Amino acid sequence: MKWRSAFKFFIAYVLLVIFMLSIPMHIHRRSFDEAFTAWYKNRTAENEAALRVQKRKNELIELEFCVVGALIVLVVGYGLYRLVRLTARSRISN
């Protein structure tokens, strides 16, 4: 792969990750629900700290999902693009 193509691939990947991060999503985890319920019923510093830890875990899970999802979308999209180009070239040459 040429450097210019690799750079375009990287830029497309970064843009896809940013796009996927901009889409709101909710991760439903039991430990987060328990921490939120404990904080809601009794707003102490300990419960708030536990809730912050669970929020951070949710953010990391969302980031991981977006990074992997963007890579999958980019690879499938690039594969479809190459397939269409190959098909168009073979039709033109026939």
C-alpha atoms as a PDB file:
ATOM      1  CA  MET A   1       0.000   0.000   0.000  1.00  0.00           C
ATOM      2  CA  LYS A   2       1.404   3.372  -0.951  1.00  0.00           C
ATOM      3  CA  TRP A   3       1.933   6.040   1.695  1.00  0.00           C
ATOM      4  CA  ARG A   4      -0.721   8.250   0.183  1.00  0.00           C
ATOM      5  CA  SER A   5      -3.270   5.427   0.204  1.00  0.00           C
ATOM      6  CA  ALA A   6      -2.345   4.526   3.772  1.00  0.00           C
ATOM      7  CA  PHE A   7      -2.779   8.153   4.811  1.00  0.00           C
ATOM      8  CA  LYS A   8      -6.236   8.311   3.177  1.00  0.00           C
ATOM      9  CA  PHE A   9      -7.177   5.043   4.886  1.00  0.00           C
ATOM     10  CA  PHE A  10      -6.036   6.449   8.253  1.00  0.00           C
ATOM     11  CA  ILE A  11      -7.927   9.729   7.795  1.00  0.00           C
ATOM     12  CA  ALA A  12     -11.087   7.831   6.823  1.00  0.00           C
ATOM     13  CA  TYR A  13     -10.662   5.643   9.913  1.00  0.00           C
ATOM     14  CA  VAL A  14     -10.270   8.645  12.230  1.00  0.00           C
ATOM     15  CA  LEU A  15     -13.337  10.311  10.718  1.00  0.00           C
ATOM     16  CA  LEU A  16     -15.369   7.128  11.151  1.00  0.00           C
ATOM     17  CA  VAL A  17     -14.336   6.853  14.808  1.00  0.00           C
ATOM     18  CA  ILE A  18     -15.331  10.485  15.402  1.00  0.00           C
ATOM     19  CA  PHE A  19     -18.644   9.903  13.631  1.00  0.00           C
ATOM     20  CA  MET A  20     -19.380   6.790  15.679  1.00  0.00           C
ATOM     21  CA  LEU A  21     -18.496   8.580  18.916  1.00  0.00           C
ATOM     22  CA  SER A  22     -20.930  11.370  18.047  1.00  0.00           C
ATOM     23  CA  ILE A  23     -23.833   8.907  17.911  1.00  0.00           C
ATOM     24  CA  PRO A  24     -25.345   8.653  21.407  1.00  0.00           C
ATOM     25  CA  MET A  25     -25.518   5.189  22.870  1.00  0.00           C
ATOM     26  CA  HIS A  26     -26.404   3.718  26.233  1.00  0.00           C
ATOM     27  CA  ILE A  27     -24.553   0.779  27.693  1.00  0.00           C
ATOM     28  CA  HIS A  28     -26.732  -1.162  30.093  1.00  0.00           C
ATOM     29  CA  ARG A  29     -24.624  -2.827  32.765  1.00  0.00           C
ATOM     30  CA  ARG A  30     -25.828  -4.209  36.057  1.00  0.00           C
ATOM     31  CA  SER A  31     -22.889  -2.795  38.052  1.00  0.00           C
ATOM     32  CA  PHE A  32     -23.596   0.708  36.705  1.00  0.00           C
ATOM     33  CA  ASP A  33     -27.285   0.363  37.572  1.00  0.00           C
ATOM     34  CA  GLU A  34     -26.421  -0.736  41.102  1.00  0.00           C
ATOM     35  CA  ALA A  35     -23.962   2.139  41.562  1.00  0.00           C
ATOM     36  CA  PHE A  36     -26.507   4.638  40.240  1.00  0.00           C
ATOM     37  CA  THR A  37     -29.257   3.285  42.489  1.00  0.00           C
ATOM     38  CA  ALA A  38     -26.987   3.422  45.545  1.00  0.00           C
ATOM     39  CA  TRP A  39     -25.978   6.990  44.682  1.00  0.00           C
ATOM     40  CA  TYR A  40     -29.581   8.043  44.027  1.00  0.00           C
ATOM     41  CA  LYS A  41     -30.832   6.668  47.350  1.00  0.00           C
ATOM     42  CA  ASN A  42     -27.864   7.818  49.422  1.00  0.00           C
ATOM     43  CA  ARG A  43     -25.721  10.584  47.951  1.00  0.00           C
ATOM     44  CA  THR A  44     -22.487  10.039  49.831  1.00  0.00           C
ATOM     45  CA  ALA A  45     -18.941  10.585  48.601  1.00  0.00           C
ATOM     46  CA  GLU A  46     -18.337   6.828  48.466  1.00  0.00           C
ATOM     47  CA  ASN A  47     -21.374   6.209  46.305  1.00  0.00           C
ATOM     48  CA  GLU A  48     -20.446   9.113  44.054  1.00  0.00           C
ATOM     49  CA  ALA A  49     -16.930   7.728  43.626  1.00  0.00           C
ATOM     50  CA  ALA A  50     -18.339   4.285  42.762  1.00  0.00           C
ATOM     51  CA  LEU A  51     -20.670   5.873  40.225  1.00  0.00           C
ATOM     52  CA  ARG A  52     -17.773   7.781  38.615  1.00  0.00           C
ATOM     53  CA  VAL A  53     -15.799   4.538  38.292  1.00  0.00           C
ATOM     54  CA  GLN A  54     -18.735   2.836  36.590  1.00  0.00           C
ATOM     55  CA  LYS A  55     -19.269   5.815  34.267  1.00  0.00           C
ATOM     56  CA  ARG A  56     -15.610   5.647  33.260  1.00  0.00           C
ATOM     57  CA  LYS A  57     -15.933   1.918  32.521  1.00  0.00           C
ATOM     58  CA  ASN A  58     -18.954   2.663  30.327  1.00  0.00           C
ATOM     59  CA  GLU A  59     -16.980   5.330  28.458  1.00  0.00           C
ATOM     60  CA  LEU A  60     -14.102   2.913  27.841  1.00  0.00           C
ATOM     61  CA  ILE A  61     -16.493   0.220  26.605  1.00  0.00           C
ATOM     62  CA  GLU A  62     -18.113   2.738  24.245  1.00  0.00           C
ATOM     63  CA  LEU A  63     -14.715   3.867  22.953  1.00  0.00           C
ATOM     64  CA  GLU A  64     -13.639   0.270  22.347  1.00  0.00           C
ATOM     65  CA  PHE A  65     -16.887  -0.449  20.512  1.00  0.00           C
ATOM     66  CA  CYS A  66     -16.454   2.638  18.308  1.00  0.00           C
ATOM     67  CA  VAL A  67     -12.815   1.855  17.473  1.00  0.00           C
ATOM     68  CA  VAL A  68     -13.523  -1.750  16.502  1.00  0.00           C
ATOM     69  CA  GLY A  69     -16.798  -0.879  14.770  1.00  0.00           C
ATOM     70  CA  ALA A  70     -15.148   1.839  12.689  1.00  0.00           C
ATOM     71  CA  LEU A  71     -12.428  -0.571  11.597  1.00  0.00           C
ATOM     72  CA  ILE A  72     -15.002  -3.165  10.537  1.00  0.00           C
ATOM     73  CA  VAL A  73     -17.081  -0.578   8.646  1.00  0.00           C
ATOM     74  CA  LEU A  74     -13.981   0.768   6.916  1.00  0.00           C
ATOM     75  CA  VAL A  75     -12.700  -2.655   5.850  1.00  0.00           C
ATOM     76  CA  VAL A  76     -16.111  -3.787   4.566  1.00  0.00           C
ATOM     77  CA  GLY A  77     -16.652  -0.459   2.787  1.00  0.00           C
ATOM     78  CA  TYR A  78     -13.221  -0.576   1.172  1.00  0.00           C
ATOM     79  CA  GLY A  79     -13.821  -4.167   0.091  1.00  0.00           C
ATOM     80  CA  LEU A  80     -17.137  -3.245  -1.508  1.00  0.00           C
ATOM     81  CA  TYR A  81     -15.515  -0.249  -3.210  1.00  0.00           C
ATOM     82  CA  ARG A  82     -12.772  -2.458  -4.690  1.00  0.00           C
ATOM     83  CA  LEU A  83     -15.362  -5.034  -5.805  1.00  0.00           C
ATOM     84  CA  VAL A  84     -17.417  -2.385  -7.608  1.00  0.00           C
ATOM     85  CA  ARG A  85     -14.306  -0.981  -9.299  1.00  0.00           C
ATOM     86  CA  LEU A  86     -13.190  -4.452 -10.376  1.00  0.00           C
ATOM     87  CA  THR A  87     -16.642  -5.225 -11.749  1.00  0.00           C
ATOM     88  CA  ALA A  88     -16.824  -1.919 -13.617  1.00  0.00           C
ATOM     89  CA  ARG A  89     -13.376  -2.444 -15.148  1.00  0.00           C
ATOM     90  CA  SER A  90     -14.232  -5.962 -16.288  1.00  0.00           C
ATOM     91  CA  ARG A  91     -17.472  -4.759 -17.908  1.00  0.00           C
ATOM     92  CA  ILE A  92     -15.676  -1.965 -19.724  1.00  0.00           C
ATOM     93  CA  SER A  93     -12.963  -4.259 -21.082  1.00  0.00           C
ATOM     94  CA  ASN A  94     -15.492  -6.795 -22.424  1.00  0.00           C
END
